[in-house]
Amino acid sequence: MESELLRSGIKYVPPIDFGKALYVICRVVKPMTVVETGVAAGLSTSYILYALEKNRGEQLHSIDMPDYEMELIKDSKLSY
């Protein structure tokens, strides 16, 4: 999975074990609501959603900001 994400051109892939840790935390704690800030490639999101599905009935709210770094890159290319 990590190699596929890297080939897609994304800049950051969290360690796979991090996703597994989130899965275990969600399964053990059984939160009613999870708020995730910074979605990136969605790897953590998939682990959280899978755990919440197994727990039945919880909600995930994901908040992501625009990729301002990409905007800066576009602007710098225009100035050349």
Protein backbone atom coordinates (compact mmCIF):
# COMPACT_ATOMS: atom_id res chain seq x y z
CA MET A 1 0.00 0.00 0.00
CA GLU A 2 2.80 2.42 0.90
CA SER A 3 4.55 1.97 -2.46
CA GLU A 4 1.29 2.66 -4.32
CA LEU A 5 0.77 5.87 -2.36
CA LEU A 6 4.32 7.02 -3.06
CA ARG A 7 3.90 6.33 -6.78
CA SER A 8 0.79 8.52 -6.78
CA GLY A 9 2.98 11.55 -6.06
CA ILE A 10 1.92 12.32 -2.51
CA LYS A 11 4.60 13.77 -0.26
CA TYR A 12 3.92 12.07 3.05
CA VAL A 13 3.02 8.51 3.91
CA PRO A 14 2.67 7.85 7.63
CA PRO A 15 4.25 4.67 8.96
CA ILE A 16 1.92 1.70 8.45
CA ASP A 17 2.26 0.83 12.17
CA PHE A 18 0.77 4.23 13.00
CA GLY A 19 -2.46 3.25 11.25
CA LYS A 20 -2.52 -0.06 13.10
CA ALA A 21 -2.07 1.80 16.38
CA LEU A 22 -5.04 4.03 15.56
CA TYR A 23 -7.09 0.95 14.75
CA VAL A 24 -6.27 -0.68 18.09
CA ILE A 25 -6.93 2.53 20.03
CA CYS A 26 -10.35 2.94 18.41
CA ARG A 27 -11.24 -0.71 19.00
CA VAL A 28 -10.24 -0.60 22.68
CA VAL A 29 -11.50 2.88 23.64
CA LYS A 30 -14.68 2.61 21.50
CA PRO A 31 -15.15 6.37 21.08
CA MET A 32 -18.57 7.66 20.02
CA THR A 33 -16.98 10.36 17.83
CA VAL A 34 -13.51 10.73 16.35
CA VAL A 35 -12.25 14.03 14.92
CA GLU A 36 -9.31 13.77 12.56
CA THR A 37 -7.42 16.87 11.48
CA GLY A 38 -5.17 16.61 8.44
CA VAL A 39 -6.26 13.81 6.14
CA ALA A 40 -3.27 13.71 3.73
CA ALA A 41 -3.42 10.43 1.77
CA GLY A 42 -6.21 8.98 3.92
CA LEU A 43 -4.26 6.03 5.29
CA SER A 44 -5.09 6.85 8.93
CA THR A 45 -8.67 7.56 7.90
CA SER A 46 -9.05 4.07 6.47
CA TYR A 47 -7.78 2.41 9.67
CA ILE A 48 -10.03 4.57 11.85
CA LEU A 49 -13.08 3.90 9.67
CA TYR A 50 -12.44 0.17 9.68
CA ALA A 51 -12.22 0.15 13.49
CA LEU A 52 -15.36 2.26 13.82
CA GLU A 53 -17.21 -0.07 11.46
CA LYS A 54 -16.23 -3.03 13.63
CA ASN A 55 -17.40 -1.14 16.74
CA ARG A 56 -20.74 -0.32 15.03
CA GLY A 57 -22.27 3.10 15.20
CA GLU A 58 -19.48 5.61 15.83
CA GLN A 59 -18.72 8.67 13.68
CA LEU A 60 -15.56 10.03 12.09
CA HIS A 61 -15.30 13.73 11.25
CA SER A 62 -12.28 14.47 9.04
CA ILE A 63 -11.06 18.04 8.62
CA ASP A 64 -8.47 18.88 6.01
CA MET A 65 -7.03 22.20 4.94
CA PRO A 66 -6.14 23.23 1.39
CA ASP A 67 -2.65 22.35 0.24
CA TYR A 68 -1.11 25.80 0.52
CA GLU A 69 2.31 24.42 -0.35
CA MET A 70 1.05 23.52 -3.82
CA GLU A 71 -0.30 27.05 -4.24
CA LEU A 72 3.13 28.47 -3.39
CA ILE A 73 4.77 26.18 -5.93
CA LYS A 74 2.30 27.26 -8.63
CA ASP A 75 2.89 30.94 -7.81
CA SER A 76 6.68 30.55 -7.93
CA LYS A 77 6.51 28.89 -11.37
CA LEU A 78 4.50 31.81 -12.70
CA SER A 79 7.12 34.32 -11.66
CA TYR A 80 9.90 32.76 -13.77
